[in-house]
Amino acid sequence: MIRVRRRFFDLGERQIHYRYRDGAGVPIVALHHLPGSARQIEPIIAALTGKTVVAPDLAGTGDSDPHPGSAPTIADYAADVVDLVRGLGYGQVDLYGSHTGACLAVEIAATVPDLVRRVILDGVPMYAEAEAEDLKAHYAPVIEPDINGVHLILAHNFCRDQILFWPWYEHSAQAARRAGLPSPRDLHGWVLEVLKGLGGFPLGYRAVFGYPMAARLPAVRQPTLCVSAAADTLAEASRRAAALLPDGDLVLIRDTGEAMAPPADVAAAILTFLATA
């Protein structure tokens, strides 16, 4: 069995941590959603049979060092990924981006087109101005370590409530997602990754909510697949995004009652799309 391994890449004075799976063909660079790290897309990495996959933790998340800027933008996070790809010696890659990662994938494809062959956007963050402002104000809480461990509970509930409600801070019947929770062990693993990046994920979210996705999508000239779970809060935005892309297509994955699409289904959609290249 081919294992997903872990490595570090020196980026000046910083280090980027990434997961790696050895395989064949054009490498896939897999970019994770927030909060957390590339750990949460490891099941998709494992399901991409036969492919080389590189999945970095974004700056300030997981085991990657923080970005030196006080307010890094999507372009800043994307530049880290480009440096990693070039540092690993890849001439061209395919990009897979989930939610936050979709913003990075769009930015990289638009600004460094020669580096990118094909793009997969799994849930496209695209919000009306008022919604983006509300999310920027409330979605990414600043959680500080507390001597009594209160921050541990806050981080746990922050992760849990993202699955139960949209947005997570609206605890009402109208906001209920009616999605099943993961196992306690899987939720625990996610919370641990979030705790590693308590200072990093709010910066990443602010970058996402300030990113002009609708304006940037037409600049992506590569063949692009928008894929989304039918139950994903970004399913409708993904549908609209596909229409804004010069060469875009859409796949909606069956509703299983879970918050995220089954990794095997996502991987199958990716591999089918890449096989037509």
C-alpha atoms as a PDB file:
ATOM      1  CA  MET A   1       0.000   0.000   0.000  1.00  0.00           C
ATOM      2  CA  ILE A   2       1.320   3.465  -0.942  1.00  0.00           C
ATOM      3  CA  ARG A   3       1.496   5.660   2.146  1.00  0.00           C
ATOM      4  CA  VAL A   4       0.807   9.369   2.473  1.00  0.00           C
ATOM      5  CA  ARG A   5       4.078  10.700   3.865  1.00  0.00           C
ATOM      6  CA  ARG A   6       4.965  13.986   5.560  1.00  0.00           C
ATOM      7  CA  ARG A   7       7.777  16.359   4.649  1.00  0.00           C
ATOM      8  CA  PHE A   8       9.014  19.935   5.110  1.00  0.00           C
ATOM      9  CA  PHE A   9      10.149  22.492   2.538  1.00  0.00           C
ATOM     10  CA  ASP A  10      12.401  25.441   3.404  1.00  0.00           C
ATOM     11  CA  LEU A  11      10.891  28.736   2.284  1.00  0.00           C
ATOM     12  CA  GLY A  12      13.493  31.322   3.245  1.00  0.00           C
ATOM     13  CA  GLU A  13      13.447  31.502   7.037  1.00  0.00           C
ATOM     14  CA  ARG A  14      10.160  29.626   7.183  1.00  0.00           C
ATOM     15  CA  GLN A  15       9.163  26.022   6.612  1.00  0.00           C
ATOM     16  CA  ILE A  16       6.126  24.683   4.816  1.00  0.00           C
ATOM     17  CA  HIS A  17       4.868  21.281   5.922  1.00  0.00           C
ATOM     18  CA  TYR A  18       3.254  19.090   3.286  1.00  0.00           C
ATOM     19  CA  ARG A  19       1.814  15.644   2.762  1.00  0.00           C
ATOM     20  CA  TYR A  20       3.067  13.643  -0.184  1.00  0.00           C
ATOM     21  CA  ARG A  21       1.946  10.584  -2.064  1.00  0.00           C
ATOM     22  CA  ASP A  22       4.211   9.136  -4.746  1.00  0.00           C
ATOM     23  CA  GLY A  23       2.675   8.169  -8.066  1.00  0.00           C
ATOM     24  CA  ALA A  24       2.771   8.854 -11.793  1.00  0.00           C
ATOM     25  CA  GLY A  25       1.756  11.510 -14.293  1.00  0.00           C
ATOM     26  CA  VAL A  26       1.299  15.226 -13.767  1.00  0.00           C
ATOM     27  CA  PRO A  27       1.381  15.902 -10.006  1.00  0.00           C
ATOM     28  CA  ILE A  28      -1.760  17.079  -8.249  1.00  0.00           C
ATOM     29  CA  VAL A  29      -1.279  19.909  -5.767  1.00  0.00           C
ATOM     30  CA  ALA A  30      -4.116  19.580  -3.235  1.00  0.00           C
ATOM     31  CA  LEU A  31      -5.032  22.695  -1.241  1.00  0.00           C
ATOM     32  CA  HIS A  32      -7.079  22.310   1.930  1.00  0.00           C
ATOM     33  CA  HIS A  33      -9.994  24.214   3.406  1.00  0.00           C
ATOM     34  CA  LEU A  34     -10.005  26.060   6.705  1.00  0.00           C
ATOM     35  CA  PRO A  35      -9.829  25.671   9.599  1.00  0.00           C
ATOM     36  CA  GLY A  36      -7.239  22.955  10.086  1.00  0.00           C
ATOM     37  CA  SER A  37      -4.640  21.599   7.699  1.00  0.00           C
ATOM     38  CA  ALA A  38      -4.065  19.201   4.829  1.00  0.00           C
ATOM     39  CA  ARG A  39      -4.836  16.395   7.264  1.00  0.00           C
ATOM     40  CA  GLN A  40      -8.547  16.799   6.542  1.00  0.00           C
ATOM     41  CA  ILE A  41      -8.098  16.050   2.835  1.00  0.00           C
ATOM     42  CA  GLU A  42      -5.830  13.063   3.438  1.00  0.00           C
ATOM     43  CA  PRO A  43      -8.679  10.613   2.616  1.00  0.00           C
ATOM     44  CA  ILE A  44      -8.981  12.244  -0.831  1.00  0.00           C
ATOM     45  CA  ILE A  45      -5.214  12.059  -1.301  1.00  0.00           C
ATOM     46  CA  ALA A  46      -5.301   8.359  -0.466  1.00  0.00           C
ATOM     47  CA  ALA A  47      -8.167   7.804  -2.926  1.00  0.00           C
ATOM     48  CA  LEU A  48      -6.316   9.434  -5.861  1.00  0.00           C
ATOM     49  CA  THR A  49      -4.981   6.083  -6.966  1.00  0.00           C
ATOM     50  CA  GLY A  50      -1.790   6.137  -8.983  1.00  0.00           C
ATOM     51  CA  LYS A  51      -1.274   9.904  -8.794  1.00  0.00           C
ATOM     52  CA  THR A  52       1.532  11.957  -7.301  1.00  0.00           C
ATOM     53  CA  VAL A  53      -0.073  14.319  -4.782  1.00  0.00           C
ATOM     54  CA  VAL A  54       1.449  17.202  -2.825  1.00  0.00           C
ATOM     55  CA  ALA A  55      -0.737  18.770  -0.125  1.00  0.00           C
ATOM     56  CA  PRO A  56       0.802  21.665   1.840  1.00  0.00           C
ATOM     57  CA  ASP A  57      -0.453  23.084   5.113  1.00  0.00           C
ATOM     58  CA  LEU A  58      -1.120  26.746   4.366  1.00  0.00           C
ATOM     59  CA  ALA A  59       1.063  29.263   6.191  1.00  0.00           C
ATOM     60  CA  GLY A  60       0.135  29.436   9.859  1.00  0.00           C
ATOM     61  CA  THR A  61      -1.906  26.233   9.807  1.00  0.00           C
ATOM     62  CA  GLY A  62      -1.057  22.640  10.688  1.00  0.00           C
ATOM     63  CA  ASP A  63       2.712  22.334  10.956  1.00  0.00           C
ATOM     64  CA  SER A  64       3.603  25.188   8.575  1.00  0.00           C
ATOM     65  CA  ASP A  65       5.208  28.315   9.986  1.00  0.00           C
ATOM     66  CA  PRO A  66       3.104  31.502  10.027  1.00  0.00           C
ATOM     67  CA  HIS A  67       3.285  34.003   7.196  1.00  0.00           C
ATOM     68  CA  PRO A  68       5.408  37.019   8.204  1.00  0.00           C
ATOM     69  CA  GLY A  69       2.739  39.494   7.101  1.00  0.00           C
ATOM     70  CA  SER A  70       0.178  40.807   9.573  1.00  0.00           C
ATOM     71  CA  ALA A  71      -2.656  40.447   7.044  1.00  0.00           C
ATOM     72  CA  PRO A  72      -1.657  37.949   4.343  1.00  0.00           C
ATOM     73  CA  THR A  73      -3.810  37.867   1.219  1.00  0.00           C
ATOM     74  CA  ILE A  74      -4.835  34.985  -1.002  1.00  0.00           C
ATOM     75  CA  ALA A  75      -2.035  36.093  -3.330  1.00  0.00           C
ATOM     76  CA  ASP A  76       0.458  35.706  -0.443  1.00  0.00           C
ATOM     77  CA  TYR A  77      -0.710  32.174   0.369  1.00  0.00           C
ATOM     78  CA  ALA A  78      -0.695  31.319  -3.333  1.00  0.00           C
ATOM     79  CA  ALA A  79       2.887  32.571  -3.705  1.00  0.00           C
ATOM     80  CA  ASP A  80       3.991  30.089  -1.022  1.00  0.00           C
ATOM     81  CA  VAL A  81       2.439  27.248  -2.993  1.00  0.00           C
ATOM     82  CA  VAL A  82       4.091  28.378  -6.223  1.00  0.00           C
ATOM     83  CA  ASP A  83       7.480  28.494  -4.477  1.00  0.00           C
ATOM     84  CA  LEU A  84       6.904  24.992  -3.117  1.00  0.00           C
ATOM     85  CA  VAL A  85       5.926  23.599  -6.526  1.00  0.00           C
ATOM     86  CA  ARG A  86       8.930  25.150  -8.225  1.00  0.00           C
ATOM     87  CA  GLY A  87      11.220  24.136  -5.387  1.00  0.00           C
ATOM     88  CA  LEU A  88      10.140  20.524  -5.819  1.00  0.00           C
ATOM     89  CA  GLY A  89      11.088  20.759  -9.491  1.00  0.00           C
ATOM     90  CA  TYR A  90       7.651  20.360 -11.060  1.00  0.00           C
ATOM     91  CA  GLY A  91       7.238  21.958 -14.473  1.00  0.00           C
ATOM     92  CA  GLN A  92       3.455  21.719 -14.546  1.00  0.00           C
ATOM     93  CA  VAL A  93       0.788  20.567 -12.097  1.00  0.00           C
ATOM     94  CA  ASP A  94      -2.942  20.051 -11.744  1.00  0.00           C
ATOM     95  CA  LEU A  95      -4.580  21.966  -8.900  1.00  0.00           C
ATOM     96  CA  TYR A  96      -7.277  20.726  -6.532  1.00  0.00           C
ATOM     97  CA  GLY A  97      -8.609  23.282  -4.052  1.00  0.00           C
ATOM     98  CA  SER A  98     -11.277  22.775  -1.386  1.00  0.00           C
ATOM     99  CA  HIS A  99     -13.121  25.917  -0.203  1.00  0.00           C
ATOM    100  CA  THR A 100     -10.200  28.114   0.970  1.00  0.00           C
ATOM    101  CA  GLY A 101      -7.954  26.046  -1.272  1.00  0.00           C
ATOM    102  CA  ALA A 102     -10.219  26.878  -4.214  1.00  0.00           C
ATOM    103  CA  CYS A 103      -9.316  30.570  -3.785  1.00  0.00           C
ATOM    104  CA  LEU A 104      -5.623  29.698  -3.934  1.00  0.00           C
ATOM    105  CA  ALA A 105      -6.142  27.462  -6.960  1.00  0.00           C
ATOM    106  CA  VAL A 106      -7.923  30.258  -8.842  1.00  0.00           C
ATOM    107  CA  GLU A 107      -5.203  32.771  -7.963  1.00  0.00           C
ATOM    108  CA  ILE A 108      -2.360  30.451  -8.995  1.00  0.00           C
ATOM    109  CA  ALA A 109      -4.045  29.425 -12.247  1.00  0.00           C
ATOM    110  CA  ALA A 110      -4.738  33.063 -13.139  1.00  0.00           C
ATOM    111  CA  THR A 111      -1.323  34.497 -12.247  1.00  0.00           C
ATOM    112  CA  VAL A 112       1.012  31.616 -13.187  1.00  0.00           C
ATOM    113  CA  PRO A 113      -0.887  29.956 -16.056  1.00  0.00           C
ATOM    114  CA  ASP A 114       2.123  28.101 -17.476  1.00  0.00           C
ATOM    115  CA  LEU A 115       2.466  26.209 -14.199  1.00  0.00           C
ATOM    116  CA  VAL A 116      -1.085  24.857 -14.212  1.00  0.00           C
ATOM    117  CA  ARG A 117      -2.582  22.314 -16.610  1.00  0.00           C
ATOM    118  CA  ARG A 118      -6.040  21.729 -15.105  1.00  0.00           C
ATOM    119  CA  VAL A 119      -7.999  22.975 -12.092  1.00  0.00           C
ATOM    120  CA  ILE A 120     -10.538  21.346  -9.757  1.00  0.00           C
ATOM    121  CA  LEU A 121     -12.493  23.639  -7.421  1.00  0.00           C
ATOM    122  CA  ASP A 122     -14.285  21.759  -4.626  1.00  0.00           C
ATOM    123  CA  GLY A 123     -16.763  24.258  -3.191  1.00  0.00           C
ATOM    124  CA  VAL A 124     -16.172  27.799  -4.479  1.00  0.00           C
ATOM    125  CA  PRO A 125     -16.293  30.591  -1.848  1.00  0.00           C
ATOM    126  CA  MET A 126     -18.250  33.321  -3.611  1.00  0.00           C
ATOM    127  CA  TYR A 127     -20.377  35.648  -1.504  1.00  0.00           C
ATOM    128  CA  ALA A 128     -22.494  38.749  -1.922  1.00  0.00           C
ATOM    129  CA  GLU A 129     -20.870  41.819  -0.387  1.00  0.00           C
ATOM    130  CA  ALA A 130     -23.120  41.966   2.679  1.00  0.00           C
ATOM    131  CA  GLU A 131     -22.677  38.245   3.389  1.00  0.00           C
ATOM    132  CA  ALA A 132     -18.903  38.522   3.024  1.00  0.00           C
ATOM    133  CA  GLU A 133     -18.810  41.418   5.501  1.00  0.00           C
ATOM    134  CA  ASP A 134     -20.893  39.488   8.037  1.00  0.00           C
ATOM    135  CA  LEU A 135     -18.672  36.423   7.694  1.00  0.00           C
ATOM    136  CA  LYS A 136     -15.529  38.533   7.989  1.00  0.00           C
ATOM    137  CA  ALA A 137     -16.856  40.001  11.237  1.00  0.00           C
ATOM    138  CA  HIS A 138     -18.038  36.776  12.874  1.00  0.00           C
ATOM    139  CA  TYR A 139     -16.835  33.593  11.196  1.00  0.00           C
ATOM    140  CA  ALA A 140     -13.206  33.432  12.337  1.00  0.00           C
ATOM    141  CA  PRO A 141     -13.062  33.832  16.121  1.00  0.00           C
ATOM    142  CA  VAL A 142      -9.846  34.770  17.849  1.00  0.00           C
ATOM    143  CA  ILE A 143      -9.276  31.929  20.317  1.00  0.00           C
ATOM    144  CA  GLU A 144      -6.511  32.609  22.830  1.00  0.00           C
ATOM    145  CA  PRO A 145      -4.929  29.932  25.053  1.00  0.00           C
ATOM    146  CA  ASP A 146      -6.537  30.036  28.491  1.00  0.00           C
ATOM    147  CA  ILE A 147      -4.974  28.871  31.768  1.00  0.00           C
ATOM    148  CA  ASN A 148      -8.143  26.877  32.542  1.00  0.00           C
ATOM    149  CA  GLY A 149      -8.265  25.256  29.105  1.00  0.00           C
ATOM    150  CA  VAL A 150     -11.396  27.110  27.983  1.00  0.00           C
ATOM    151  CA  HIS A 151      -9.814  27.518  24.543  1.00  0.00           C
ATOM    152  CA  LEU A 152      -9.918  23.739  24.092  1.00  0.00           C
ATOM    153  CA  ILE A 153     -13.697  23.729  24.439  1.00  0.00           C
ATOM    154  CA  LEU A 154     -14.062  26.796  22.212  1.00  0.00           C
ATOM    155  CA  ALA A 155     -12.002  25.179  19.465  1.00  0.00           C
ATOM    156  CA  HIS A 156     -13.948  21.925  19.745  1.00  0.00           C
ATOM    157  CA  ASN A 157     -17.320  23.674  19.565  1.00  0.00           C
ATOM    158  CA  PHE A 158     -16.149  25.885  16.693  1.00  0.00           C
ATOM    159  CA  CYS A 159     -15.354  22.784  14.624  1.00  0.00           C
ATOM    160  CA  ARG A 160     -18.475  20.865  15.650  1.00  0.00           C
ATOM    161  CA  ASP A 161     -20.824  23.771  14.975  1.00  0.00           C
ATOM    162  CA  GLN A 162     -19.451  24.285  11.453  1.00  0.00           C
ATOM    163  CA  ILE A 163     -20.986  20.910  10.633  1.00  0.00           C
ATOM    164  CA  LEU A 164     -24.243  21.538  12.463  1.00  0.00           C
ATOM    165  CA  PHE A 165     -25.034  25.107  11.330  1.00  0.00           C
ATOM    166  CA  TRP A 166     -24.462  27.593   8.502  1.00  0.00           C
ATOM    167  CA  PRO A 167     -23.018  29.917   9.463  1.00  0.00           C
ATOM    168  CA  TRP A 168     -21.700  28.140  12.545  1.00  0.00           C
ATOM    169  CA  TYR A 169     -22.485  31.035  14.896  1.00  0.00           C
ATOM    170  CA  GLU A 170     -26.221  31.104  14.016  1.00  0.00           C
ATOM    171  CA  HIS A 171     -27.675  28.477  16.360  1.00  0.00           C
ATOM    172  CA  SER A 172     -31.201  28.524  14.989  1.00  0.00           C
ATOM    173  CA  ALA A 173     -33.545  26.056  13.309  1.00  0.00           C
ATOM    174  CA  GLN A 174     -33.194  27.989  10.050  1.00  0.00           C
ATOM    175  CA  ALA A 175     -29.392  27.699  10.196  1.00  0.00           C
ATOM    176  CA  ALA A 176     -29.365  23.963  10.981  1.00  0.00           C
ATOM    177  CA  ARG A 177     -27.606  21.962   8.259  1.00  0.00           C
ATOM    178  CA  ARG A 178     -29.010  18.583   9.316  1.00  0.00           C
ATOM    179  CA  ALA A 179     -25.686  16.934   8.510  1.00  0.00           C
ATOM    180  CA  GLY A 180     -24.296  14.046  10.490  1.00  0.00           C
ATOM    181  CA  LEU A 181     -21.318  14.566  12.784  1.00  0.00           C
ATOM    182  CA  PRO A 182     -18.089  12.647  12.191  1.00  0.00           C
ATOM    183  CA  SER A 183     -16.895  10.103  14.712  1.00  0.00           C
ATOM    184  CA  PRO A 184     -15.550  11.527  18.005  1.00  0.00           C
ATOM    185  CA  ARG A 185     -12.056  10.383  16.998  1.00  0.00           C
ATOM    186  CA  ASP A 186     -12.222  12.135  13.600  1.00  0.00           C
ATOM    187  CA  LEU A 187     -13.595  15.320  15.171  1.00  0.00           C
ATOM    188  CA  HIS A 188     -10.811  15.174  17.770  1.00  0.00           C
ATOM    189  CA  GLY A 189      -8.186  14.900  15.017  1.00  0.00           C
ATOM    190  CA  TRP A 190      -9.608  17.953  13.258  1.00  0.00           C
ATOM    191  CA  VAL A 191      -9.708  19.959  16.488  1.00  0.00           C
ATOM    192  CA  LEU A 192      -6.039  19.149  17.150  1.00  0.00           C
ATOM    193  CA  GLU A 193      -5.076  20.597  13.755  1.00  0.00           C
ATOM    194  CA  VAL A 194      -7.135  23.718  14.434  1.00  0.00           C
ATOM    195  CA  LEU A 195      -5.419  24.165  17.806  1.00  0.00           C
ATOM    196  CA  LYS A 196      -2.042  24.143  16.054  1.00  0.00           C
ATOM    197  CA  GLY A 197      -3.121  27.120  13.961  1.00  0.00           C
ATOM    198  CA  LEU A 198      -5.126  29.235  16.406  1.00  0.00           C
ATOM    199  CA  GLY A 199      -3.383  32.369  15.187  1.00  0.00           C
ATOM    200  CA  GLY A 200      -3.286  31.362  11.538  1.00  0.00           C
ATOM    201  CA  PHE A 201      -6.786  30.347  10.536  1.00  0.00           C
ATOM    202  CA  PRO A 202      -8.464  33.712  11.302  1.00  0.00           C
ATOM    203  CA  LEU A 203      -5.989  35.400   8.939  1.00  0.00           C
ATOM    204  CA  GLY A 204      -6.759  32.862   6.246  1.00  0.00           C
ATOM    205  CA  TYR A 205     -10.501  33.317   6.609  1.00  0.00           C
ATOM    206  CA  ARG A 206     -10.202  37.101   6.369  1.00  0.00           C
ATOM    207  CA  ALA A 207      -8.247  36.650   3.144  1.00  0.00           C
ATOM    208  CA  VAL A 208     -10.982  34.384   1.760  1.00  0.00           C
ATOM    209  CA  PHE A 209     -13.833  36.737   2.643  1.00  0.00           C
ATOM    210  CA  GLY A 210     -11.965  39.618   1.015  1.00  0.00           C
ATOM    211  CA  TYR A 211     -11.110  37.716  -2.181  1.00  0.00           C
ATOM    212  CA  PRO A 212     -12.920  38.926  -5.345  1.00  0.00           C
ATOM    213  CA  MET A 213     -13.759  35.429  -6.589  1.00  0.00           C
ATOM    214  CA  ALA A 214     -16.354  36.449  -9.195  1.00  0.00           C
ATOM    215  CA  ALA A 215     -13.917  38.916 -10.752  1.00  0.00           C
ATOM    216  CA  ARG A 216     -11.021  36.436 -10.796  1.00  0.00           C
ATOM    217  CA  LEU A 217     -12.771  33.387 -12.256  1.00  0.00           C
ATOM    218  CA  PRO A 218     -12.824  34.674 -15.867  1.00  0.00           C
ATOM    219  CA  ALA A 219      -9.005  34.927 -15.706  1.00  0.00           C
ATOM    220  CA  VAL A 220      -8.723  31.146 -15.257  1.00  0.00           C
ATOM    221  CA  ARG A 221      -8.220  29.875 -18.822  1.00  0.00           C
ATOM    222  CA  GLN A 222      -7.386  26.261 -18.002  1.00  0.00           C
ATOM    223  CA  PRO A 223     -10.069  23.561 -18.206  1.00  0.00           C
ATOM    224  CA  THR A 224     -11.709  23.712 -14.774  1.00  0.00           C
ATOM    225  CA  LEU A 225     -14.074  21.404 -12.939  1.00  0.00           C
ATOM    226  CA  CYS A 226     -16.275  22.738 -10.158  1.00  0.00           C
ATOM    227  CA  VAL A 227     -17.231  19.850  -7.902  1.00  0.00           C
ATOM    228  CA  SER A 228     -19.406  20.085  -4.826  1.00  0.00           C
ATOM    229  CA  ALA A 229     -21.407  17.938  -2.497  1.00  0.00           C
ATOM    230  CA  ALA A 230     -25.091  18.624  -3.042  1.00  0.00           C
ATOM    231  CA  ALA A 231     -25.368  19.407   0.692  1.00  0.00           C
ATOM    232  CA  ASP A 232     -22.353  21.733   0.718  1.00  0.00           C
ATOM    233  CA  THR A 233     -23.150  25.307   1.724  1.00  0.00           C
ATOM    234  CA  LEU A 234     -21.166  26.351  -1.359  1.00  0.00           C
ATOM    235  CA  ALA A 235     -23.024  24.136  -3.845  1.00  0.00           C
ATOM    236  CA  GLU A 236     -25.011  26.988  -5.384  1.00  0.00           C
ATOM    237  CA  ALA A 237     -21.949  29.254  -5.472  1.00  0.00           C
ATOM    238  CA  SER A 238     -20.070  26.468  -7.251  1.00  0.00           C
ATOM    239  CA  ARG A 239     -22.824  26.284  -9.857  1.00  0.00           C
ATOM    240  CA  ARG A 240     -22.534  30.024 -10.490  1.00  0.00           C
ATOM    241  CA  ALA A 241     -18.744  29.803 -10.570  1.00  0.00           C
ATOM    242  CA  ALA A 242     -18.804  27.172 -13.308  1.00  0.00           C
ATOM    243  CA  ALA A 243     -20.789  29.580 -15.494  1.00  0.00           C
ATOM    244  CA  LEU A 244     -18.201  32.356 -14.989  1.00  0.00           C
ATOM    245  CA  LEU A 245     -15.259  30.219 -16.088  1.00  0.00           C
ATOM    246  CA  PRO A 246     -14.160  30.348 -19.734  1.00  0.00           C
ATOM    247  CA  ASP A 247     -13.804  26.547 -19.756  1.00  0.00           C
ATOM    248  CA  GLY A 248     -15.763  25.356 -16.748  1.00  0.00           C
ATOM    249  CA  ASP A 249     -17.841  22.302 -15.925  1.00  0.00           C
ATOM    250  CA  LEU A 250     -19.842  21.238 -12.866  1.00  0.00           C
ATOM    251  CA  VAL A 251     -20.304  17.953 -11.009  1.00  0.00           C
ATOM    252  CA  LEU A 252     -22.651  17.787  -8.021  1.00  0.00           C
ATOM    253  CA  ILE A 253     -22.016  14.740  -5.847  1.00  0.00           C
ATOM    254  CA  ARG A 254     -24.922  12.847  -4.363  1.00  0.00           C
ATOM    255  CA  ASP A 255     -26.294  13.939  -0.997  1.00  0.00           C
ATOM    256  CA  THR A 256     -25.285  11.377   1.612  1.00  0.00           C
ATOM    257  CA  GLY A 257     -26.513  13.421   4.566  1.00  0.00           C
ATOM    258  CA  GLU A 258     -22.934  14.306   5.511  1.00  0.00           C
ATOM    259  CA  ALA A 259     -21.456  17.802   5.521  1.00  0.00           C
ATOM    260  CA  MET A 260     -18.773  16.890   2.982  1.00  0.00           C
ATOM    261  CA  ALA A 261     -18.898  14.598  -0.045  1.00  0.00           C
ATOM    262  CA  PRO A 262     -17.458  11.075   0.349  1.00  0.00           C
ATOM    263  CA  PRO A 263     -13.707  11.242  -0.420  1.00  0.00           C
ATOM    264  CA  ALA A 264     -13.978   8.340  -2.864  1.00  0.00           C
ATOM    265  CA  ASP A 265     -16.633  10.211  -4.859  1.00  0.00           C
ATOM    266  CA  VAL A 266     -14.537  13.391  -4.953  1.00  0.00           C
ATOM    267  CA  ALA A 267     -11.454  11.441  -6.051  1.00  0.00           C
ATOM    268  CA  ALA A 268     -13.458   9.654  -8.766  1.00  0.00           C
ATOM    269  CA  ALA A 269     -14.683  12.992 -10.156  1.00  0.00           C
ATOM    270  CA  ILE A 270     -11.114  14.336 -10.137  1.00  0.00           C
ATOM    271  CA  LEU A 271      -9.631  11.295 -11.858  1.00  0.00           C
ATOM    272  CA  THR A 272     -12.375  11.219 -14.498  1.00  0.00           C
ATOM    273  CA  PHE A 273     -11.818  14.905 -15.263  1.00  0.00           C
ATOM    274  CA  LEU A 274      -8.024  14.555 -15.451  1.00  0.00           C
ATOM    275  CA  ALA A 275      -8.271  11.471 -17.662  1.00  0.00           C
ATOM    276  CA  THR A 276      -9.795  13.597 -20.442  1.00  0.00           C
ATOM    277  CA  ALA A 277      -6.698  15.815 -20.653  1.00  0.00           C
END
